[in-house]
Amino acid sequence: MKLKRLIEPMTEKDEKQEREFVMMCLAVTCGAGTLAEALRLLLAVMDWHEGTLTDGWVLTMRSINLAVCAICSWLTFLIIREVKRRRVFTRLNAQYITLIGCAATFGGIAQNVVVNLVYEDTANHSGDMTYLILGLLLLFIASLFNIGIRMKEEQELTI
């Protein structure tokens, strides 16, 4: 039964359900990530006011994380909106992916600059390379996306 399902091509209804499921998972992930960063910043602010947080730069790091997550979530929701309108491989979505990559890369660079400028002992305080690597990976994916769009446009012109 399952093998038959894998071999047969998906119907348009199945494709729509799969696309909606993927978009819902993406929306939940982005929303949850932004909410988690907002809570981390709130906890850091509470620790700062109680005097238990001795390092004010932690607030800067948390603020950078929240800003990057908020920007990436907003751009992701714009992509989801375009996909729901059945516009997937468009220049606009490629620009959104590029902006998400730029935001994540900027966040990673900003975090590492703060760590390297503020802390003398960088062994105990390390920057988060996750944003930097993720941002560069997304910029690479955006360039592949642009190449695919260009190939699609050339193919449409030859037919």
N, C-alpha and C. Protein backbone atom coordinates (compact mmCIF):
# COMPACT_ATOMS: atom_id res chain seq x y z
N MET A 1 0.82 -1.19 0.00
CA MET A 1 0.00 0.00 0.00
C MET A 1 0.87 1.26 0.00
N LYS A 2 1.86 1.31 0.93
CA LYS A 2 2.72 2.48 1.00
C LYS A 2 3.61 2.59 -0.22
N LEU A 3 4.08 1.45 -0.75
CA LEU A 3 4.92 1.47 -1.94
C LEU A 3 4.13 2.02 -3.13
N LYS A 4 2.89 1.62 -3.23
CA LYS A 4 2.03 2.12 -4.31
C LYS A 4 1.88 3.63 -4.18
N ARG A 5 1.75 4.11 -2.96
CA ARG A 5 1.59 5.55 -2.71
C ARG A 5 2.86 6.30 -3.12
N LEU A 6 4.03 5.69 -2.90
CA LEU A 6 5.29 6.34 -3.26
C LEU A 6 5.51 6.36 -4.76
N ILE A 7 5.06 5.34 -5.46
CA ILE A 7 5.29 5.23 -6.89
C ILE A 7 4.35 6.13 -7.68
N GLU A 8 3.11 6.19 -7.25
CA GLU A 8 2.13 7.00 -7.97
C GLU A 8 2.43 8.48 -7.79
N PRO A 9 2.21 9.27 -8.82
CA PRO A 9 2.43 10.71 -8.66
C PRO A 9 1.38 11.31 -7.72
N MET A 10 1.78 12.36 -7.05
CA MET A 10 0.87 13.02 -6.11
C MET A 10 -0.19 13.78 -6.88
N THR A 11 -1.37 13.77 -6.35
CA THR A 11 -2.43 14.56 -6.96
C THR A 11 -2.26 16.01 -6.51
N GLU A 12 -2.97 16.89 -7.15
CA GLU A 12 -2.87 18.31 -6.80
C GLU A 12 -3.35 18.55 -5.38
N LYS A 13 -4.36 17.79 -4.95
CA LYS A 13 -4.86 17.92 -3.59
C LYS A 13 -3.79 17.50 -2.58
N ASP A 14 -3.08 16.39 -2.88
CA ASP A 14 -2.02 15.93 -2.00
C ASP A 14 -0.88 16.94 -1.93
N GLU A 15 -0.53 17.52 -3.06
CA GLU A 15 0.53 18.53 -3.09
C GLU A 15 0.14 19.74 -2.25
N LYS A 16 -1.12 20.15 -2.36
CA LYS A 16 -1.58 21.30 -1.59
C LYS A 16 -1.54 21.01 -0.10
N GLN A 17 -1.97 19.81 0.31
CA GLN A 17 -1.94 19.44 1.72
C GLN A 17 -0.50 19.39 2.24
N GLU A 18 0.40 18.84 1.44
CA GLU A 18 1.80 18.76 1.85
C GLU A 18 2.40 20.16 1.97
N ARG A 19 2.12 21.03 1.01
CA ARG A 19 2.62 22.39 1.03
C ARG A 19 2.08 23.15 2.25
N GLU A 20 0.80 22.99 2.55
CA GLU A 20 0.22 23.66 3.71
C GLU A 20 0.82 23.14 5.01
N PHE A 21 1.08 21.83 5.08
CA PHE A 21 1.69 21.26 6.28
C PHE A 21 3.10 21.81 6.49
N VAL A 22 3.88 21.86 5.42
CA VAL A 22 5.25 22.38 5.52
C VAL A 22 5.23 23.85 5.92
N MET A 23 4.34 24.63 5.34
CA MET A 23 4.25 26.05 5.67
C MET A 23 3.80 26.26 7.12
N MET A 24 2.89 25.41 7.60
CA MET A 24 2.45 25.51 8.99
C MET A 24 3.60 25.19 9.94
N CYS A 25 4.36 24.14 9.62
CA CYS A 25 5.53 23.80 10.45
C CYS A 25 6.54 24.93 10.48
N LEU A 26 6.76 25.55 9.33
CA LEU A 26 7.69 26.67 9.24
C LEU A 26 7.20 27.85 10.07
N ALA A 27 5.91 28.14 9.99
CA ALA A 27 5.34 29.25 10.75
C ALA A 27 5.44 29.00 12.26
N VAL A 28 5.14 27.78 12.68
CA VAL A 28 5.22 27.45 14.11
C VAL A 28 6.67 27.54 14.59
N THR A 29 7.61 27.06 13.79
CA THR A 29 9.02 27.11 14.16
C THR A 29 9.50 28.55 14.30
N CYS A 30 9.15 29.39 13.33
CA CYS A 30 9.57 30.80 13.40
C CYS A 30 8.94 31.52 14.58
N GLY A 31 7.66 31.30 14.79
CA GLY A 31 6.98 31.93 15.91
C GLY A 31 7.55 31.47 17.25
N ALA A 32 7.79 30.18 17.38
CA ALA A 32 8.33 29.64 18.63
C ALA A 32 9.76 30.14 18.88
N GLY A 33 10.56 30.23 17.82
CA GLY A 33 11.92 30.73 17.98
C GLY A 33 11.94 32.19 18.42
N THR A 34 11.09 32.99 17.83
CA THR A 34 11.02 34.41 18.21
C THR A 34 10.51 34.55 19.64
N LEU A 35 9.50 33.77 19.99
CA LEU A 35 8.97 33.81 21.36
C LEU A 35 10.04 33.37 22.36
N ALA A 36 10.80 32.34 22.03
CA ALA A 36 11.86 31.87 22.93
C ALA A 36 12.93 32.95 23.13
N GLU A 37 13.30 33.61 22.05
CA GLU A 37 14.30 34.69 22.18
C GLU A 37 13.75 35.86 22.99
N ALA A 38 12.47 36.17 22.81
CA ALA A 38 11.85 37.24 23.60
C ALA A 38 11.85 36.88 25.08
N LEU A 39 11.55 35.63 25.40
CA LEU A 39 11.57 35.20 26.80
C LEU A 39 12.98 35.21 27.38
N ARG A 40 13.97 34.81 26.57
CA ARG A 40 15.36 34.86 27.04
C ARG A 40 15.78 36.30 27.34
N LEU A 41 15.37 37.23 26.50
CA LEU A 41 15.69 38.64 26.74
C LEU A 41 14.98 39.14 27.99
N LEU A 42 13.71 38.77 28.15
CA LEU A 42 12.95 39.18 29.33
C LEU A 42 13.59 38.65 30.60
N LEU A 43 14.02 37.39 30.59
CA LEU A 43 14.69 36.83 31.77
C LEU A 43 16.01 37.53 32.06
N ALA A 44 16.75 37.89 31.01
CA ALA A 44 18.00 38.61 31.21
C ALA A 44 17.75 40.00 31.79
N VAL A 45 16.69 40.67 31.33
CA VAL A 45 16.34 41.99 31.87
C VAL A 45 15.94 41.86 33.34
N MET A 46 15.16 40.82 33.66
CA MET A 46 14.76 40.60 35.06
C MET A 46 15.98 40.34 35.94
N ASP A 47 16.93 39.54 35.45
CA ASP A 47 18.15 39.28 36.20
C ASP A 47 18.97 40.56 36.38
N TRP A 48 18.96 41.41 35.36
CA TRP A 48 19.70 42.67 35.42
C TRP A 48 19.12 43.57 36.51
N HIS A 49 17.80 43.66 36.57
CA HIS A 49 17.16 44.52 37.57
C HIS A 49 17.30 43.96 38.98
N GLU A 50 17.38 42.65 39.12
CA GLU A 50 17.56 42.04 40.43
C GLU A 50 19.01 42.06 40.87
N GLY A 51 19.91 42.41 39.98
CA GLY A 51 21.32 42.47 40.31
C GLY A 51 22.04 41.15 40.19
N THR A 52 21.36 40.11 39.75
CA THR A 52 22.02 38.81 39.62
C THR A 52 22.77 38.67 38.30
N LEU A 53 22.41 39.50 37.33
CA LEU A 53 23.11 39.48 36.06
C LEU A 53 24.22 40.52 36.12
N THR A 54 25.45 40.07 36.15
CA THR A 54 26.57 40.99 36.31
C THR A 54 27.10 41.50 34.99
N ASP A 55 26.69 40.89 33.90
CA ASP A 55 27.24 41.23 32.59
C ASP A 55 26.16 41.88 31.72
N GLY A 56 26.24 43.17 31.56
CA GLY A 56 25.25 43.89 30.75
C GLY A 56 25.30 43.56 29.27
N TRP A 57 26.43 43.04 28.83
CA TRP A 57 26.54 42.71 27.41
C TRP A 57 25.68 41.52 27.02
N VAL A 58 25.27 40.74 28.01
CA VAL A 58 24.36 39.63 27.74
C VAL A 58 23.05 40.18 27.19
N LEU A 59 22.63 41.35 27.71
CA LEU A 59 21.42 41.99 27.19
C LEU A 59 21.59 42.37 25.72
N THR A 60 22.77 42.83 25.36
CA THR A 60 23.04 43.18 23.97
C THR A 60 22.96 41.94 23.09
N MET A 61 23.55 40.86 23.55
CA MET A 61 23.52 39.61 22.78
C MET A 61 22.10 39.11 22.62
N ARG A 62 21.32 39.15 23.70
CA ARG A 62 19.93 38.70 23.63
C ARG A 62 19.11 39.61 22.70
N SER A 63 19.40 40.90 22.74
CA SER A 63 18.68 41.84 21.86
C SER A 63 18.99 41.58 20.40
N ILE A 64 20.25 41.29 20.11
CA ILE A 64 20.64 40.95 18.73
C ILE A 64 19.90 39.70 18.28
N ASN A 65 19.88 38.68 19.14
CA ASN A 65 19.19 37.44 18.81
C ASN A 65 17.71 37.69 18.53
N LEU A 66 17.07 38.49 19.38
CA LEU A 66 15.64 38.76 19.20
C LEU A 66 15.39 39.52 17.91
N ALA A 67 16.23 40.51 17.62
CA ALA A 67 16.05 41.28 16.39
C ALA A 67 16.21 40.39 15.16
N VAL A 68 17.22 39.54 15.16
CA VAL A 68 17.43 38.64 14.02
C VAL A 68 16.25 37.68 13.87
N CYS A 69 15.80 37.11 14.98
CA CYS A 69 14.66 36.18 14.92
C CYS A 69 13.39 36.88 14.44
N ALA A 70 13.16 38.09 14.90
CA ALA A 70 11.95 38.81 14.49
C ALA A 70 11.99 39.14 13.00
N ILE A 71 13.13 39.61 12.51
CA ILE A 71 13.26 39.93 11.09
C ILE A 71 13.10 38.68 10.24
N CYS A 72 13.76 37.60 10.64
CA CYS A 72 13.67 36.35 9.87
C CYS A 72 12.25 35.79 9.89
N SER A 73 11.58 35.89 11.03
CA SER A 73 10.20 35.41 11.10
C SER A 73 9.28 36.22 10.21
N TRP A 74 9.44 37.52 10.22
CA TRP A 74 8.60 38.39 9.39
C TRP A 74 8.81 38.06 7.90
N LEU A 75 10.06 37.92 7.50
CA LEU A 75 10.35 37.59 6.10
C LEU A 75 9.85 36.19 5.74
N THR A 76 9.93 35.27 6.68
CA THR A 76 9.42 33.92 6.44
C THR A 76 7.91 33.94 6.26
N PHE A 77 7.22 34.75 7.04
CA PHE A 77 5.77 34.85 6.86
C PHE A 77 5.43 35.47 5.51
N LEU A 78 6.26 36.38 5.02
CA LEU A 78 6.05 36.92 3.68
C LEU A 78 6.23 35.83 2.62
N ILE A 79 7.21 34.97 2.82
CA ILE A 79 7.41 33.85 1.89
C ILE A 79 6.22 32.91 1.94
N ILE A 80 5.73 32.61 3.14
CA ILE A 80 4.57 31.74 3.29
C ILE A 80 3.37 32.31 2.56
N ARG A 81 3.19 33.61 2.66
CA ARG A 81 2.08 34.27 1.97
C ARG A 81 2.19 34.10 0.46
N GLU A 82 3.41 34.23 -0.06
CA GLU A 82 3.61 34.06 -1.50
C GLU A 82 3.37 32.61 -1.93
N VAL A 83 3.82 31.67 -1.11
CA VAL A 83 3.63 30.26 -1.45
C VAL A 83 2.14 29.91 -1.43
N LYS A 84 1.40 30.46 -0.49
CA LYS A 84 -0.05 30.20 -0.46
C LYS A 84 -0.73 30.73 -1.71
N ARG A 85 -0.17 31.75 -2.30
CA ARG A 85 -0.71 32.29 -3.56
C ARG A 85 -0.15 31.56 -4.78
N ARG A 86 0.54 30.45 -4.52
CA ARG A 86 1.10 29.58 -5.57
C ARG A 86 2.22 30.28 -6.35
N ARG A 87 2.90 31.22 -5.71
CA ARG A 87 4.07 31.88 -6.31
C ARG A 87 5.29 31.46 -5.49
N VAL A 88 5.93 30.39 -5.95
CA VAL A 88 7.04 29.82 -5.18
C VAL A 88 8.37 30.31 -5.73
N PHE A 89 8.67 29.98 -6.97
CA PHE A 89 9.97 30.31 -7.55
C PHE A 89 9.90 31.66 -8.24
N THR A 90 9.94 32.71 -7.41
CA THR A 90 9.87 34.08 -7.92
C THR A 90 11.07 34.87 -7.42
N ARG A 91 11.35 35.95 -8.08
CA ARG A 91 12.46 36.82 -7.66
C ARG A 91 12.19 37.40 -6.26
N LEU A 92 10.92 37.67 -5.97
CA LEU A 92 10.57 38.22 -4.67
C LEU A 92 10.94 37.25 -3.54
N ASN A 93 10.62 35.98 -3.71
CA ASN A 93 10.99 34.99 -2.69
C ASN A 93 12.51 34.85 -2.59
N ALA A 94 13.19 34.94 -3.71
CA ALA A 94 14.65 34.89 -3.68
C ALA A 94 15.22 36.08 -2.90
N GLN A 95 14.61 37.24 -3.06
CA GLN A 95 15.04 38.41 -2.29
C GLN A 95 14.77 38.22 -0.80
N TYR A 96 13.61 37.64 -0.47
CA TYR A 96 13.31 37.37 0.94
C TYR A 96 14.33 36.42 1.55
N ILE A 97 14.69 35.37 0.82
CA ILE A 97 15.68 34.42 1.32
C ILE A 97 17.04 35.10 1.48
N THR A 98 17.38 35.97 0.53
CA THR A 98 18.64 36.72 0.63
C THR A 98 18.63 37.62 1.86
N LEU A 99 17.51 38.29 2.11
CA LEU A 99 17.42 39.17 3.29
C LEU A 99 17.49 38.38 4.59
N ILE A 100 16.89 37.20 4.62
CA ILE A 100 16.98 36.35 5.81
C ILE A 100 18.44 35.95 6.03
N GLY A 101 19.13 35.57 4.95
CA GLY A 101 20.54 35.22 5.05
C GLY A 101 21.39 36.38 5.53
N CYS A 102 21.11 37.57 5.00
CA CYS A 102 21.86 38.77 5.42
C CYS A 102 21.61 39.08 6.90
N ALA A 103 20.36 38.98 7.33
CA ALA A 103 20.03 39.25 8.74
C ALA A 103 20.74 38.28 9.66
N ALA A 104 20.71 36.99 9.32
CA ALA A 104 21.36 35.99 10.15
C ALA A 104 22.88 36.18 10.16
N THR A 105 23.45 36.48 8.99
CA THR A 105 24.89 36.72 8.92
C THR A 105 25.28 37.94 9.74
N PHE A 106 24.52 39.02 9.60
CA PHE A 106 24.78 40.23 10.39
C PHE A 106 24.69 39.93 11.88
N GLY A 107 23.68 39.15 12.28
CA GLY A 107 23.54 38.79 13.69
C GLY A 107 24.74 38.01 14.20
N GLY A 108 25.21 37.06 13.40
CA GLY A 108 26.38 36.29 13.80
C GLY A 108 27.63 37.15 13.90
N ILE A 109 27.81 38.04 12.93
CA ILE A 109 28.98 38.94 12.97
C ILE A 109 28.89 39.88 14.17
N ALA A 110 27.70 40.44 14.41
CA ALA A 110 27.53 41.38 15.53
C ALA A 110 27.81 40.69 16.86
N GLN A 111 27.33 39.48 17.03
CA GLN A 111 27.59 38.76 18.28
C GLN A 111 29.08 38.52 18.48
N ASN A 112 29.76 38.11 17.43
CA ASN A 112 31.19 37.83 17.55
C ASN A 112 32.00 39.11 17.76
N VAL A 113 31.57 40.21 17.17
CA VAL A 113 32.25 41.49 17.40
C VAL A 113 32.10 41.89 18.86
N VAL A 114 30.89 41.77 19.40
CA VAL A 114 30.67 42.12 20.81
C VAL A 114 31.55 41.25 21.70
N VAL A 115 31.59 39.98 21.45
CA VAL A 115 32.40 39.07 22.28
C VAL A 115 33.87 39.43 22.20
N ASN A 116 34.37 39.67 21.00
CA ASN A 116 35.81 39.93 20.84
C ASN A 116 36.22 41.32 21.31
N LEU A 117 35.34 42.29 21.25
CA LEU A 117 35.69 43.64 21.71
C LEU A 117 35.50 43.82 23.20
N VAL A 118 34.53 43.15 23.77
CA VAL A 118 34.19 43.39 25.17
C VAL A 118 34.98 42.49 26.11
N TYR A 119 35.08 41.22 25.77
CA TYR A 119 35.67 40.27 26.71
C TYR A 119 37.14 40.06 26.40
N GLU A 120 37.96 40.20 27.44
CA GLU A 120 39.38 39.93 27.27
C GLU A 120 39.64 38.44 27.24
N ASP A 121 38.91 37.70 28.04
CA ASP A 121 39.06 36.25 28.10
C ASP A 121 37.98 35.62 27.22
N THR A 122 38.30 35.43 25.94
CA THR A 122 37.31 34.88 25.02
C THR A 122 37.16 33.37 25.16
N ALA A 123 37.99 32.76 26.01
CA ALA A 123 37.84 31.31 26.23
C ALA A 123 36.55 31.02 26.99
N ASN A 124 36.19 31.89 27.93
CA ASN A 124 34.97 31.70 28.72
C ASN A 124 33.74 32.28 28.02
N HIS A 125 33.94 33.21 27.11
CA HIS A 125 32.83 33.84 26.40
C HIS A 125 33.06 33.66 24.91
N SER A 126 32.23 32.84 24.30
CA SER A 126 32.39 32.63 22.86
C SER A 126 31.15 33.13 22.14
N GLY A 127 31.37 33.65 20.96
CA GLY A 127 30.25 34.10 20.15
C GLY A 127 29.50 32.92 19.58
N ASP A 128 28.30 33.16 19.18
CA ASP A 128 27.47 32.10 18.61
C ASP A 128 27.69 32.07 17.10
N MET A 129 28.33 31.01 16.65
CA MET A 129 28.62 30.87 15.22
C MET A 129 27.42 30.35 14.44
N THR A 130 26.37 29.96 15.14
CA THR A 130 25.21 29.37 14.49
C THR A 130 24.59 30.34 13.49
N TYR A 131 24.36 31.58 13.93
CA TYR A 131 23.75 32.57 13.04
C TYR A 131 24.63 32.84 11.83
N LEU A 132 25.92 32.93 12.06
CA LEU A 132 26.84 33.22 10.97
C LEU A 132 26.83 32.09 9.93
N ILE A 133 26.93 30.88 10.39
CA ILE A 133 26.93 29.74 9.46
C ILE A 133 25.58 29.60 8.77
N LEU A 134 24.50 29.73 9.53
CA LEU A 134 23.16 29.64 8.96
C LEU A 134 22.93 30.74 7.93
N GLY A 135 23.38 31.95 8.23
CA GLY A 135 23.22 33.06 7.30
C GLY A 135 23.98 32.83 6.00
N LEU A 136 25.20 32.37 6.11
CA LEU A 136 25.98 32.09 4.90
C LEU A 136 25.36 30.96 4.09
N LEU A 137 24.84 29.95 4.77
CA LEU A 137 24.16 28.86 4.08
C LEU A 137 22.91 29.37 3.35
N LEU A 138 22.16 30.23 3.99
CA LEU A 138 20.97 30.80 3.34
C LEU A 138 21.33 31.70 2.17
N LEU A 139 22.41 32.42 2.25
CA LEU A 139 22.86 33.22 1.11
C LEU A 139 23.24 32.32 -0.06
N PHE A 140 23.86 31.19 0.24
CA PHE A 140 24.19 30.22 -0.80
C PHE A 140 22.92 29.65 -1.43
N ILE A 141 21.94 29.30 -0.59
CA ILE A 141 20.67 28.77 -1.09
C ILE A 141 19.96 29.83 -1.93
N ALA A 142 20.02 31.09 -1.52
CA ALA A 142 19.39 32.16 -2.29
C ALA A 142 20.04 32.29 -3.66
N SER A 143 21.36 32.13 -3.74
CA SER A 143 22.01 32.21 -5.05
C SER A 143 21.61 31.03 -5.92
N LEU A 144 21.48 29.85 -5.34
CA LEU A 144 20.98 28.70 -6.10
C LEU A 144 19.53 28.93 -6.55
N PHE A 145 18.74 29.53 -5.69
CA PHE A 145 17.36 29.85 -6.01
C PHE A 145 17.30 30.80 -7.21
N ASN A 146 18.18 31.81 -7.21
CA ASN A 146 18.24 32.75 -8.34
C ASN A 146 18.67 32.06 -9.63
N ILE A 147 19.62 31.14 -9.53
CA ILE A 147 20.06 30.39 -10.71
C ILE A 147 18.90 29.55 -11.25
N GLY A 148 18.17 28.91 -10.36
CA GLY A 148 17.01 28.11 -10.77
C GLY A 148 15.94 28.95 -11.44
N ILE A 149 15.70 30.14 -10.91
CA ILE A 149 14.71 31.04 -11.51
C ILE A 149 15.16 31.45 -12.91
N ARG A 150 16.44 31.78 -13.04
CA ARG A 150 16.97 32.17 -14.35
C ARG A 150 16.86 31.02 -15.35
N MET A 151 17.16 29.79 -14.90
CA MET A 151 17.03 28.64 -15.79
C MET A 151 15.57 28.40 -16.18
N LYS A 152 14.66 28.59 -15.24
CA LYS A 152 13.23 28.45 -15.52
C LYS A 152 12.78 29.48 -16.56
N GLU A 153 13.24 30.72 -16.40
CA GLU A 153 12.86 31.77 -17.36
C GLU A 153 13.43 31.47 -18.74
N GLU A 154 14.66 30.99 -18.82
CA GLU A 154 15.25 30.64 -20.12
C GLU A 154 14.50 29.48 -20.76
N GLN A 155 14.09 28.52 -19.96
CA GLN A 155 13.34 27.37 -20.48
C GLN A 155 11.98 27.82 -21.01
N GLU A 156 11.33 28.73 -20.31
CA GLU A 156 10.03 29.23 -20.78
C GLU A 156 10.17 30.01 -22.08
N LEU A 157 11.30 30.67 -22.28
CA LEU A 157 11.51 31.43 -23.50
C LEU A 157 11.79 30.52 -24.69
N THR A 158 12.39 29.35 -24.45
CA THR A 158 12.73 28.46 -25.57
C THR A 158 11.55 27.63 -26.04
N ILE A 159 10.53 27.51 -25.24
CA ILE A 159 9.40 26.68 -25.62
C ILE A 159 8.42 27.44 -26.48
